[in-house]
Amino acid sequence: MAKPNTTALELARIYVEAMANRDVETIVSISAENVICISPIGQTTGIAQFRGFQEGFAQMITRLTTLAVHGDDRQAVVVYDVETHPVPHTVVAELIKVENGKLASTHVIYDATPFAAYMATVQPH
């Protein structure tokens, strides 16, 4: 659980560990109510949409390995290698910004091409 004076570096470590453990509850607990998430699939605003984004990602993860976490009091960057059901391997970077000890925003950067190629093969129900 994050405290009001939690630094971005500390929060980034908690965040990436929670992702690796598919622990959406921890991610939500350290996030601001108006958290913003920008990724190749679009932007979410607010805790409910961010929870949905994280739940969807957690369901895809088969393994997540942290490669680097760097930051200071206000922002941090996490880099991780993730194996998912649809795509066997991708490297992701996230720029995390913190306000009042909570995750205020994350900008997720990865190559979405393999995910789009997978989605093109999926038959609608």
C-alpha atoms as a PDB file:
ATOM      1  CA  MET A   1       0.000   0.000   0.000  1.00  0.00           C
ATOM      2  CA  ALA A   2       1.346   3.420  -0.954  1.00  0.00           C
ATOM      3  CA  LYS A   3       1.750   6.253   1.555  1.00  0.00           C
ATOM      4  CA  PRO A   4       1.226   9.961   0.690  1.00  0.00           C
ATOM      5  CA  ASN A   5       4.997  10.509   0.496  1.00  0.00           C
ATOM      6  CA  THR A   6       5.720   7.418  -1.632  1.00  0.00           C
ATOM      7  CA  THR A   7       8.164   8.278  -4.395  1.00  0.00           C
ATOM      8  CA  ALA A   8       7.592   7.397  -8.038  1.00  0.00           C
ATOM      9  CA  LEU A   9      10.534   5.003  -7.882  1.00  0.00           C
ATOM     10  CA  GLU A  10       9.031   3.135  -4.905  1.00  0.00           C
ATOM     11  CA  LEU A  11       5.587   3.097  -6.496  1.00  0.00           C
ATOM     12  CA  ALA A  12       6.995   1.856  -9.818  1.00  0.00           C
ATOM     13  CA  ARG A  13       8.577  -1.114  -8.052  1.00  0.00           C
ATOM     14  CA  ILE A  14       5.277  -1.960  -6.341  1.00  0.00           C
ATOM     15  CA  TYR A  15       3.411  -1.526  -9.639  1.00  0.00           C
ATOM     16  CA  VAL A  16       5.619  -3.767 -11.775  1.00  0.00           C
ATOM     17  CA  GLU A  17       5.727  -6.463  -9.073  1.00  0.00           C
ATOM     18  CA  ALA A  18       1.925  -6.372  -8.882  1.00  0.00           C
ATOM     19  CA  MET A  19       1.708  -6.718 -12.670  1.00  0.00           C
ATOM     20  CA  ALA A  20       4.074  -9.693 -12.593  1.00  0.00           C
ATOM     21  CA  ASN A  21       1.814 -11.302  -9.971  1.00  0.00           C
ATOM     22  CA  ARG A  22      -1.370 -10.358 -11.861  1.00  0.00           C
ATOM     23  CA  ASP A  23      -2.420  -8.497  -8.700  1.00  0.00           C
ATOM     24  CA  VAL A  24      -4.926  -5.970 -10.031  1.00  0.00           C
ATOM     25  CA  GLU A  25      -6.147  -5.087  -6.521  1.00  0.00           C
ATOM     26  CA  THR A  26      -2.711  -3.790  -5.534  1.00  0.00           C
ATOM     27  CA  ILE A  27      -2.437  -1.813  -8.776  1.00  0.00           C
ATOM     28  CA  VAL A  28      -5.821  -0.201  -8.145  1.00  0.00           C
ATOM     29  CA  SER A  29      -4.962   0.514  -4.495  1.00  0.00           C
ATOM     30  CA  ILE A  30      -1.873   2.541  -5.457  1.00  0.00           C
ATOM     31  CA  SER A  31      -3.648   4.467  -8.230  1.00  0.00           C
ATOM     32  CA  ALA A  32      -5.386   7.848  -8.083  1.00  0.00           C
ATOM     33  CA  GLU A  33      -9.135   8.001  -8.704  1.00  0.00           C
ATOM     34  CA  ASN A  34      -8.530  10.002 -11.891  1.00  0.00           C
ATOM     35  CA  VAL A  35      -5.570   7.923 -13.146  1.00  0.00           C
ATOM     36  CA  ILE A  36      -4.788   8.266 -16.851  1.00  0.00           C
ATOM     37  CA  CYS A  37      -3.383   5.407 -18.926  1.00  0.00           C
ATOM     38  CA  ILE A  38      -2.187   6.024 -22.468  1.00  0.00           C
ATOM     39  CA  SER A  39      -1.238   3.005 -24.573  1.00  0.00           C
ATOM     40  CA  PRO A  40      -1.176   1.940 -28.225  1.00  0.00           C
ATOM     41  CA  ILE A  41      -4.800   0.803 -27.843  1.00  0.00           C
ATOM     42  CA  GLY A  42      -6.010   4.200 -26.605  1.00  0.00           C
ATOM     43  CA  GLN A  43      -6.471   6.210 -23.448  1.00  0.00           C
ATOM     44  CA  THR A  44      -8.366   5.395 -20.281  1.00  0.00           C
ATOM     45  CA  THR A  45      -9.286   7.903 -17.610  1.00  0.00           C
ATOM     46  CA  GLY A  46     -10.419   7.038 -14.114  1.00  0.00           C
ATOM     47  CA  ILE A  47      -9.967   4.122 -11.782  1.00  0.00           C
ATOM     48  CA  ALA A  48     -12.802   1.979 -13.223  1.00  0.00           C
ATOM     49  CA  GLN A  49     -11.406   2.090 -16.771  1.00  0.00           C
ATOM     50  CA  PHE A  50      -7.858   1.572 -15.498  1.00  0.00           C
ATOM     51  CA  ARG A  51      -9.017  -1.485 -13.532  1.00  0.00           C
ATOM     52  CA  GLY A  52     -10.560  -2.896 -16.728  1.00  0.00           C
ATOM     53  CA  PHE A  53      -7.346  -2.247 -18.655  1.00  0.00           C
ATOM     54  CA  GLN A  54      -5.261  -3.969 -15.961  1.00  0.00           C
ATOM     55  CA  GLU A  55      -7.672  -6.917 -15.640  1.00  0.00           C
ATOM     56  CA  GLY A  56      -7.514  -7.510 -19.396  1.00  0.00           C
ATOM     57  CA  PHE A  57      -3.719  -7.370 -19.361  1.00  0.00           C
ATOM     58  CA  ALA A  58      -3.479  -9.652 -16.310  1.00  0.00           C
ATOM     59  CA  GLN A  59      -5.544 -12.316 -18.094  1.00  0.00           C
ATOM     60  CA  MET A  60      -3.080 -12.335 -21.012  1.00  0.00           C
ATOM     61  CA  ILE A  61       0.149 -12.563 -18.980  1.00  0.00           C
ATOM     62  CA  THR A  62       1.915 -15.894 -18.740  1.00  0.00           C
ATOM     63  CA  ARG A  63       5.169 -14.380 -17.450  1.00  0.00           C
ATOM     64  CA  LEU A  64       6.494 -10.889 -16.755  1.00  0.00           C
ATOM     65  CA  THR A  65      10.156 -10.195 -16.029  1.00  0.00           C
ATOM     66  CA  THR A  66      11.282  -6.787 -14.824  1.00  0.00           C
ATOM     67  CA  LEU A  67      14.271  -5.515 -16.801  1.00  0.00           C
ATOM     68  CA  ALA A  68      14.723  -2.053 -15.255  1.00  0.00           C
ATOM     69  CA  VAL A  69      13.116   0.423 -12.867  1.00  0.00           C
ATOM     70  CA  HIS A  70      14.503   3.964 -12.715  1.00  0.00           C
ATOM     71  CA  GLY A  71      13.052   7.130 -11.287  1.00  0.00           C
ATOM     72  CA  ASP A  72      12.882   9.845  -8.703  1.00  0.00           C
ATOM     73  CA  ASP A  73      10.223  11.406  -6.488  1.00  0.00           C
ATOM     74  CA  ARG A  74       7.781  12.394  -9.264  1.00  0.00           C
ATOM     75  CA  GLN A  75       8.281  10.025 -12.198  1.00  0.00           C
ATOM     76  CA  ALA A  76       9.742   6.649 -13.037  1.00  0.00           C
ATOM     77  CA  VAL A  77      10.282   4.348 -15.984  1.00  0.00           C
ATOM     78  CA  VAL A  78       9.754   0.606 -15.834  1.00  0.00           C
ATOM     79  CA  VAL A  79      10.894  -1.728 -18.586  1.00  0.00           C
ATOM     80  CA  TYR A  80       9.736  -5.317 -18.650  1.00  0.00           C
ATOM     81  CA  ASP A  81       9.667  -8.355 -20.870  1.00  0.00           C
ATOM     82  CA  VAL A  82       6.241  -9.945 -21.024  1.00  0.00           C
ATOM     83  CA  GLU A  83       5.051 -13.247 -22.389  1.00  0.00           C
ATOM     84  CA  THR A  84       1.334 -13.381 -23.153  1.00  0.00           C
ATOM     85  CA  HIS A  85      -1.164 -15.854 -24.548  1.00  0.00           C
ATOM     86  CA  PRO A  86      -1.577 -13.951 -27.825  1.00  0.00           C
ATOM     87  CA  VAL A  87       2.062 -12.827 -28.276  1.00  0.00           C
ATOM     88  CA  PRO A  88       4.918 -14.946 -26.929  1.00  0.00           C
ATOM     89  CA  HIS A  89       7.329 -12.075 -26.282  1.00  0.00           C
ATOM     90  CA  THR A  90       7.349  -8.291 -26.183  1.00  0.00           C
ATOM     91  CA  VAL A  91       9.302  -5.597 -24.374  1.00  0.00           C
ATOM     92  CA  VAL A  92       7.252  -2.831 -22.755  1.00  0.00           C
ATOM     93  CA  ALA A  93       8.292   0.512 -21.272  1.00  0.00           C
ATOM     94  CA  GLU A  94       6.044   2.621 -19.059  1.00  0.00           C
ATOM     95  CA  LEU A  95       6.531   6.204 -17.960  1.00  0.00           C
ATOM     96  CA  ILE A  96       4.825   6.535 -14.585  1.00  0.00           C
ATOM     97  CA  LYS A  97       3.950   9.833 -12.941  1.00  0.00           C
ATOM     98  CA  VAL A  98       3.004  10.114  -9.289  1.00  0.00           C
ATOM     99  CA  GLU A  99       1.057  12.781  -7.428  1.00  0.00           C
ATOM    100  CA  ASN A 100       0.381  12.713  -3.673  1.00  0.00           C
ATOM    101  CA  GLY A 101       1.848   9.212  -3.378  1.00  0.00           C
ATOM    102  CA  LYS A 102      -0.524   7.703  -5.981  1.00  0.00           C
ATOM    103  CA  LEU A 103      -0.050   6.594  -9.564  1.00  0.00           C
ATOM    104  CA  ALA A 104      -1.457   9.561 -11.508  1.00  0.00           C
ATOM    105  CA  SER A 105      -0.619   8.442 -15.037  1.00  0.00           C
ATOM    106  CA  THR A 106       1.180   5.846 -17.058  1.00  0.00           C
ATOM    107  CA  HIS A 107       2.223   6.020 -20.662  1.00  0.00           C
ATOM    108  CA  VAL A 108       2.637   2.459 -21.975  1.00  0.00           C
ATOM    109  CA  ILE A 109       4.970   2.006 -24.942  1.00  0.00           C
ATOM    110  CA  TYR A 110       5.262  -1.215 -26.953  1.00  0.00           C
ATOM    111  CA  ASP A 111       5.070  -2.490 -30.516  1.00  0.00           C
ATOM    112  CA  ALA A 112       1.378  -3.276 -31.045  1.00  0.00           C
ATOM    113  CA  THR A 113       1.948  -4.912 -34.462  1.00  0.00           C
ATOM    114  CA  PRO A 114       2.144  -8.531 -33.177  1.00  0.00           C
ATOM    115  CA  PHE A 115      -1.026  -8.025 -31.111  1.00  0.00           C
ATOM    116  CA  ALA A 116      -2.878  -6.600 -34.128  1.00  0.00           C
ATOM    117  CA  ALA A 117      -1.729  -9.557 -36.245  1.00  0.00           C
ATOM    118  CA  TYR A 118      -3.055 -11.945 -33.598  1.00  0.00           C
ATOM    119  CA  MET A 119      -6.402 -10.128 -33.415  1.00  0.00           C
ATOM    120  CA  ALA A 120      -6.757 -10.444 -37.204  1.00  0.00           C
ATOM    121  CA  THR A 121      -6.740 -14.251 -36.780  1.00  0.00           C
ATOM    122  CA  VAL A 122      -9.376 -14.361 -34.033  1.00  0.00           C
ATOM    123  CA  GLN A 123     -12.859 -15.308 -35.157  1.00  0.00           C
ATOM    124  CA  PRO A 124     -15.693 -13.314 -33.563  1.00  0.00           C
ATOM    125  CA  HIS A 125     -18.043 -15.306 -31.337  1.00  0.00           C
END
